[in-house]
Amino acid sequence: MFEKFQSKYEKDKVKEGAESLSFDLPIKATGLSEFLGNYSGSSFGGLYRVHSVQNIGKWNQVVGKAFPEFKNRIFCFGYDWLGRQFALDRKRIESGEPLILMLEPGTGEVLEIPVNFVQFHEDELVDYANEALAAEFFQEWLAAGNASPKLDQCVGYKKHLFLNGSDTIENLELTDLEVYWDISSQLLEKVRGLPLGTPIKNITIS
């Protein structure tokens, strides 16, 4: 299993030793235990990263705070260089398998990806890496002389796209992943609380 994924992505960082999965995961998905056992805490060129098993609960809470309507239905297993979180969706089941969500802090949007865990890694990340991970944008970022993010970092928008920021390299910066999500959560809460039609370009957090 995951042969296509392994042939395309070479892991460049992994936690010492194998993850212990002697406990039960709170969600069932084909290949999930095997994948986390092999890749928990790993990075693949900085482009795609896998959460450590111990941190998944924390990230479910972090992401659920930013997107409260998804709070009780997500199992965050991975994230990309832009800090976008990939999660199993407990409310979207097909052939007994939970499907995938991508939750984006920079746009404030949630994208439903109509594939299961195995299909996501064997098809989406292999055949549609640009669509799934913004791979070409990542190469632009690196070509401009910027560093690849570490496991606890991401490349975030200086001005979020939902605040009319530009989707350009110039509007990106290397930042702490958790801090970026916390700031994004606060900004999203403010935007959602505004009356319809309120200008949002000058919104800041205190």
Protein backbone atom coordinates (compact mmCIF):
# COMPACT_ATOMS: atom_id res chain seq x y z
CA MET A 1 0.00 0.00 0.00
CA PHE A 2 1.10 3.59 -0.75
CA GLU A 3 3.64 2.44 -3.36
CA LYS A 4 2.87 5.35 -5.71
CA PHE A 5 3.15 7.86 -2.90
CA GLN A 6 6.49 6.40 -1.80
CA SER A 7 7.86 6.53 -5.34
CA LYS A 8 7.01 10.23 -5.71
CA TYR A 9 7.78 11.58 -2.24
CA GLU A 10 11.00 11.02 -0.32
CA LYS A 11 10.74 11.72 3.38
CA ASP A 12 13.39 14.08 4.63
CA LYS A 13 12.60 14.11 8.32
CA VAL A 14 11.04 11.58 10.65
CA LYS A 15 10.76 11.20 14.41
CA GLU A 16 13.19 8.84 16.09
CA GLY A 17 11.91 5.27 15.98
CA ALA A 18 8.52 4.00 14.87
CA GLU A 19 5.33 5.44 16.26
CA SER A 20 3.54 3.21 18.75
CA LEU A 21 0.00 2.56 17.59
CA SER A 22 -0.91 0.17 20.37
CA PHE A 23 -3.86 2.44 21.20
CA ASP A 24 -6.97 2.69 19.07
CA LEU A 25 -7.30 5.60 16.66
CA PRO A 26 -10.61 7.44 17.10
CA ILE A 27 -11.51 7.01 13.43
CA LYS A 28 -11.35 4.10 11.03
CA ALA A 29 -9.91 4.48 7.54
CA THR A 30 -8.12 1.95 5.37
CA GLY A 31 -4.37 2.47 5.50
CA LEU A 32 -4.45 5.09 8.26
CA SER A 33 -2.67 3.08 10.97
CA GLU A 34 -0.05 1.82 8.51
CA PHE A 35 0.59 5.30 7.12
CA LEU A 36 0.90 6.98 10.52
CA GLY A 37 3.08 4.15 11.76
CA ASN A 38 5.50 4.82 8.93
CA TYR A 39 5.27 8.57 8.54
CA SER A 40 4.03 10.18 11.77
CA GLY A 41 6.04 13.39 12.25
CA SER A 42 7.57 13.24 8.77
CA SER A 43 8.19 15.93 6.16
CA PHE A 44 8.44 15.41 2.41
CA GLY A 45 10.64 18.17 1.05
CA GLY A 46 8.71 20.65 3.18
CA LEU A 47 5.88 20.44 0.66
CA TYR A 48 3.73 17.91 2.52
CA ARG A 49 4.00 17.02 6.21
CA VAL A 50 2.31 14.43 8.44
CA HIS A 51 1.22 15.22 11.98
CA SER A 52 2.77 13.30 14.82
CA VAL A 53 0.16 10.96 16.30
CA GLN A 54 0.58 12.69 19.66
CA ASN A 55 -0.26 16.09 18.13
CA ILE A 56 -3.36 15.14 16.15
CA GLY A 57 -5.73 15.86 19.05
CA LYS A 58 -4.20 19.31 19.51
CA TRP A 59 -4.54 20.12 15.82
CA ASN A 60 -8.14 18.96 15.74
CA GLN A 61 -8.79 21.61 18.40
CA VAL A 62 -6.72 24.33 16.71
CA VAL A 63 -8.43 23.82 13.36
CA GLY A 64 -11.84 23.36 14.99
CA LYS A 65 -11.46 26.76 16.65
CA ALA A 66 -10.90 28.44 13.29
CA PHE A 67 -13.69 26.45 11.62
CA PRO A 68 -16.17 25.72 14.44
CA GLU A 69 -18.74 24.17 12.10
CA PHE A 70 -16.23 21.36 11.48
CA LYS A 71 -15.04 21.01 15.08
CA ASN A 72 -16.52 17.60 15.84
CA ARG A 73 -16.06 15.99 12.44
CA ILE A 74 -12.35 16.32 11.61
CA PHE A 75 -9.30 14.13 12.14
CA CYS A 76 -6.30 16.17 10.99
CA PHE A 77 -3.55 13.89 9.70
CA GLY A 78 -1.41 16.16 7.51
CA TYR A 79 -0.67 19.67 6.29
CA ASP A 80 1.14 21.40 3.47
CA TRP A 81 3.74 24.15 3.21
CA LEU A 82 1.01 26.85 3.27
CA GLY A 83 -0.27 25.49 6.59
CA ARG A 84 -3.43 24.06 5.01
CA GLN A 85 -4.72 21.11 7.00
CA PHE A 86 -5.88 17.80 5.53
CA ALA A 87 -8.43 15.92 7.60
CA LEU A 88 -10.70 12.91 7.49
CA ASP A 89 -14.35 13.98 7.58
CA ARG A 90 -16.58 11.93 9.86
CA LYS A 91 -19.74 13.26 8.17
CA ARG A 92 -18.83 12.39 4.59
CA ILE A 93 -18.63 8.63 4.21
CA GLU A 94 -18.43 6.70 0.94
CA SER A 95 -18.22 2.89 0.78
CA GLY A 96 -17.53 2.91 4.51
CA GLU A 97 -14.56 5.27 4.18
CA PRO A 98 -14.37 8.88 5.45
CA LEU A 99 -13.53 11.41 2.75
CA ILE A 100 -11.01 14.25 2.86
CA LEU A 101 -11.28 17.92 3.80
CA MET A 102 -8.72 20.65 3.15
CA LEU A 103 -9.05 23.54 5.63
CA GLU A 104 -7.30 26.72 4.53
CA PRO A 105 -6.27 29.41 7.04
CA GLY A 106 -5.20 31.85 4.35
CA THR A 107 -8.50 31.90 2.45
CA GLY A 108 -10.87 30.99 5.29
CA GLU A 109 -12.33 28.25 3.10
CA VAL A 110 -12.87 24.52 3.46
CA LEU A 111 -12.59 22.33 0.38
CA GLU A 112 -14.28 18.93 0.18
CA ILE A 113 -12.03 16.47 -1.66
CA PRO A 114 -14.12 13.49 -2.87
CA VAL A 115 -11.55 10.77 -2.15
CA ASN A 116 -10.67 8.52 0.77
CA PHE A 117 -7.36 8.31 2.67
CA VAL A 118 -5.67 5.85 0.32
CA GLN A 119 -6.91 7.61 -2.82
CA PHE A 120 -5.71 10.94 -1.47
CA HIS A 121 -2.14 9.69 -1.10
CA GLU A 122 -2.01 7.36 -4.09
CA ASP A 123 -3.90 9.52 -6.61
CA GLU A 124 -4.39 13.14 -5.54
CA LEU A 125 -0.90 13.78 -4.18
CA VAL A 126 0.72 11.84 -7.01
CA ASP A 127 -1.27 12.90 -10.08
CA TYR A 128 -2.57 16.28 -8.90
CA ALA A 129 0.23 17.60 -6.69
CA ASN A 130 -0.19 21.14 -7.95
CA GLU A 131 -3.92 21.21 -7.26
CA ALA A 132 -3.58 19.51 -3.86
CA LEU A 133 -0.37 21.09 -2.57
CA ALA A 134 0.24 24.19 -4.74
CA ALA A 135 3.49 22.52 -5.81
CA GLU A 136 4.32 25.05 -8.54
CA PHE A 137 3.76 27.96 -6.15
CA PHE A 138 6.11 26.21 -3.70
CA GLN A 139 8.81 26.03 -6.39
CA GLU A 140 8.34 29.77 -7.03
CA TRP A 141 8.81 30.39 -3.30
CA LEU A 142 12.04 28.37 -3.24
CA ALA A 143 13.32 29.89 -6.51
CA ALA A 144 12.98 33.34 -4.95
CA GLY A 145 15.63 32.29 -2.41
CA ASN A 146 13.27 31.41 0.43
CA ALA A 147 13.67 28.50 2.83
CA SER A 148 11.52 25.39 3.02
CA PRO A 149 9.41 25.40 6.21
CA LYS A 150 10.32 23.16 9.13
CA LEU A 151 7.76 20.84 10.71
CA ASP A 152 6.55 23.55 13.10
CA GLN A 153 6.49 26.26 10.42
CA CYS A 154 4.50 27.19 7.35
CA VAL A 155 4.59 29.84 4.67
CA GLY A 156 1.70 32.12 5.55
CA TYR A 157 0.10 35.16 3.99
CA LYS A 158 1.20 38.50 5.44
CA LYS A 159 -2.27 39.75 4.54
CA HIS A 160 -4.82 36.95 4.37
CA LEU A 161 -6.65 36.42 1.12
CA PHE A 162 -10.02 36.82 2.86
CA LEU A 163 -8.80 40.32 3.80
CA ASN A 164 -8.09 41.08 0.13
CA GLY A 165 -4.43 40.12 0.32
CA SER A 166 -2.69 39.15 -2.91
CA ASP A 167 -1.91 35.55 -3.83
CA THR A 168 1.74 36.34 -4.62
CA ILE A 169 5.19 35.42 -3.34
CA GLU A 170 5.61 38.98 -2.08
CA ASN A 171 2.65 38.48 0.27
CA LEU A 172 4.16 35.34 1.85
CA GLU A 173 6.43 34.90 4.86
CA LEU A 174 7.90 32.03 6.84
CA THR A 175 6.11 31.80 10.18
CA ASP A 176 5.31 29.53 13.10
CA LEU A 177 2.51 27.15 12.10
CA GLU A 178 0.51 27.30 15.33
CA VAL A 179 0.86 31.09 15.63
CA TYR A 180 -0.36 31.49 12.04
CA TRP A 181 -3.43 29.38 12.75
CA ASP A 182 -4.15 31.29 15.96
CA ILE A 183 -3.97 34.63 14.12
CA SER A 184 -6.08 33.26 11.28
CA SER A 185 -8.67 32.00 13.76
CA GLN A 186 -8.95 35.43 15.40
CA LEU A 187 -9.26 37.20 12.06
CA LEU A 188 -11.89 34.76 10.80
CA GLU A 189 -13.91 35.24 13.99
CA LYS A 190 -13.89 39.01 13.44
CA VAL A 191 -14.85 38.73 9.78
CA ARG A 192 -17.72 36.35 10.51
CA GLY A 193 -19.09 38.72 13.13
CA LEU A 194 -19.31 41.67 10.76
CA PRO A 195 -22.55 42.81 9.12
CA LEU A 196 -22.85 41.85 5.45
CA GLY A 197 -21.09 44.36 3.21
CA THR A 198 -18.67 45.71 5.84
CA PRO A 199 -15.25 46.59 4.32
CA ILE A 200 -12.67 44.11 5.60
CA LYS A 201 -9.40 45.34 4.13
CA ASN A 202 -8.32 47.16 7.30
CA ILE A 203 -9.23 44.52 9.88
CA THR A 204 -6.43 43.70 12.34
CA ILE A 205 -6.17 41.76 15.59
CA SER A 206 -5.42 43.49 18.86
